[in-house]
């Protein structure tokens, strides 16, 4: 399962949530982001 793990970034330590990869979650995330970007491009290209 997940937990909290410390990570150094730019010389500072951050506590980040460590999690197991969920199958298909990353793919779904990329699809949603892609659709959102295309949608915004569509909106702004038609806003005259």
N, C-alpha and C. Protein backbone atom coordinates (compact mmCIF):
# COMPACT_ATOMS: atom_id res chain seq x y z
N UNK A 1 0.83 -1.19 0.00
CA UNK A 1 0.00 0.00 0.00
C UNK A 1 0.87 1.25 0.00
N UNK A 2 0.21 2.39 0.01
CA UNK A 2 0.95 3.64 -0.05
C UNK A 2 1.38 4.11 1.32
N UNK A 3 2.01 5.24 1.34
CA UNK A 3 2.48 5.83 2.58
C UNK A 3 3.06 7.19 2.27
N UNK A 4 3.81 7.71 3.20
CA UNK A 4 4.46 9.00 2.98
C UNK A 4 5.94 8.75 2.83
N UNK A 5 6.53 9.36 1.82
CA UNK A 5 7.96 9.18 1.64
C UNK A 5 8.60 10.54 1.43
N UNK A 6 9.80 10.70 1.92
CA UNK A 6 10.49 11.98 1.81
C UNK A 6 11.24 12.03 0.48
N UNK A 7 11.21 13.19 -0.14
CA UNK A 7 11.89 13.35 -1.42
C UNK A 7 12.63 14.68 -1.40
N UNK A 8 13.88 14.67 -1.82
CA UNK A 8 14.64 15.92 -1.89
C UNK A 8 14.42 16.56 -3.26
N UNK A 9 14.12 17.84 -3.24
CA UNK A 9 13.89 18.57 -4.48
C UNK A 9 14.42 19.98 -4.31
N UNK A 10 15.34 20.38 -5.18
CA UNK A 10 15.99 21.69 -5.09
C UNK A 10 16.61 21.92 -3.70
N UNK A 11 17.19 20.86 -3.14
CA UNK A 11 17.86 20.99 -1.86
C UNK A 11 16.93 21.04 -0.67
N UNK A 12 15.61 20.96 -0.90
CA UNK A 12 14.66 20.95 0.21
C UNK A 12 13.97 19.61 0.26
N UNK A 13 13.57 19.24 1.47
CA UNK A 13 12.93 17.94 1.63
C UNK A 13 11.42 18.10 1.65
N UNK A 14 10.76 17.31 0.87
CA UNK A 14 9.30 17.35 0.82
C UNK A 14 8.76 15.99 1.20
N UNK A 15 7.60 15.98 1.85
CA UNK A 15 6.91 14.73 2.11
C UNK A 15 5.89 14.56 1.00
N UNK A 16 6.01 13.47 0.27
CA UNK A 16 5.06 13.21 -0.81
C UNK A 16 4.34 11.91 -0.53
N UNK A 17 3.15 11.80 -1.08
CA UNK A 17 2.40 10.57 -0.93
C UNK A 17 2.96 9.54 -1.90
N UNK A 18 3.38 8.42 -1.35
CA UNK A 18 3.88 7.33 -2.18
C UNK A 18 2.71 6.40 -2.46
N UNK A 19 2.52 6.05 -3.71
CA UNK A 19 1.38 5.20 -4.03
C UNK A 19 1.78 4.14 -5.05
N UNK A 20 1.03 3.07 -5.05
CA UNK A 20 1.25 2.02 -6.03
C UNK A 20 0.59 2.46 -7.34
N UNK A 21 1.17 2.03 -8.45
CA UNK A 21 0.59 2.35 -9.74
C UNK A 21 -0.74 1.61 -9.90
N UNK A 22 -1.76 2.32 -10.31
CA UNK A 22 -3.04 1.70 -10.57
C UNK A 22 -3.11 1.41 -12.06
N UNK A 23 -3.33 0.16 -12.45
CA UNK A 23 -3.37 -0.17 -13.88
C UNK A 23 -4.43 0.64 -14.61
N UNK A 24 -4.05 1.28 -15.70
CA UNK A 24 -4.99 2.02 -16.51
C UNK A 24 -5.22 3.45 -16.04
N UNK A 25 -4.77 3.78 -14.84
CA UNK A 25 -5.03 5.12 -14.32
C UNK A 25 -4.24 6.16 -15.09
N UNK A 26 -2.94 5.88 -15.35
CA UNK A 26 -2.09 6.82 -16.06
C UNK A 26 -2.62 7.05 -17.47
N UNK A 27 -3.05 5.98 -18.14
CA UNK A 27 -3.60 6.10 -19.49
C UNK A 27 -4.85 6.97 -19.48
N UNK A 28 -5.74 6.72 -18.53
CA UNK A 28 -6.97 7.51 -18.43
C UNK A 28 -6.64 8.98 -18.17
N UNK A 29 -5.65 9.23 -17.31
CA UNK A 29 -5.23 10.59 -17.01
C UNK A 29 -4.75 11.30 -18.28
N UNK A 30 -3.92 10.61 -19.08
CA UNK A 30 -3.41 11.21 -20.32
C UNK A 30 -4.53 11.48 -21.31
N UNK A 31 -5.50 10.55 -21.39
CA UNK A 31 -6.63 10.76 -22.30
C UNK A 31 -7.42 12.00 -21.88
N UNK A 32 -7.68 12.13 -20.58
CA UNK A 32 -8.45 13.29 -20.08
C UNK A 32 -7.72 14.59 -20.36
N UNK A 33 -6.41 14.63 -20.11
CA UNK A 33 -5.62 15.84 -20.36
C UNK A 33 -5.64 16.18 -21.84
N UNK A 34 -5.47 15.17 -22.71
CA UNK A 34 -5.46 15.40 -24.15
C UNK A 34 -6.80 15.96 -24.62
N UNK A 35 -7.89 15.37 -24.15
CA UNK A 35 -9.22 15.85 -24.52
C UNK A 35 -9.42 17.29 -24.04
N UNK A 36 -8.97 17.59 -22.82
CA UNK A 36 -9.12 18.94 -22.28
C UNK A 36 -8.34 19.95 -23.12
N UNK A 37 -7.12 19.61 -23.51
CA UNK A 37 -6.30 20.51 -24.32
C UNK A 37 -6.95 20.75 -25.67
N UNK A 38 -7.41 19.68 -26.31
CA UNK A 38 -8.08 19.82 -27.61
C UNK A 38 -9.33 20.69 -27.47
N UNK A 39 -10.08 20.48 -26.38
CA UNK A 39 -11.30 21.25 -26.12
C UNK A 39 -10.98 22.74 -25.97
N UNK A 40 -9.93 23.06 -25.19
CA UNK A 40 -9.55 24.47 -25.02
C UNK A 40 -9.10 25.08 -26.34
N UNK A 41 -8.33 24.34 -27.13
CA UNK A 41 -7.90 24.85 -28.44
C UNK A 41 -9.12 25.14 -29.30
N UNK A 42 -10.10 24.23 -29.27
CA UNK A 42 -11.32 24.40 -30.04
C UNK A 42 -12.08 25.65 -29.60
N UNK A 43 -12.22 25.84 -28.29
CA UNK A 43 -12.94 27.01 -27.76
C UNK A 43 -12.24 28.30 -28.18
N UNK A 44 -10.92 28.38 -27.95
CA UNK A 44 -10.22 29.63 -28.21
C UNK A 44 -10.04 29.92 -29.69
N UNK A 45 -10.03 28.88 -30.52
CA UNK A 45 -9.88 29.12 -31.96
C UNK A 45 -11.20 29.59 -32.56
N UNK A 46 -12.31 29.32 -31.87
CA UNK A 46 -13.63 29.76 -32.37
C UNK A 46 -14.12 31.02 -31.69
N UNK A 47 -13.37 31.54 -30.76
CA UNK A 47 -13.80 32.75 -30.04
C UNK A 47 -13.23 33.98 -30.76
N UNK A 48 -14.03 34.56 -31.62
CA UNK A 48 -13.59 35.72 -32.39
C UNK A 48 -14.18 36.97 -31.75
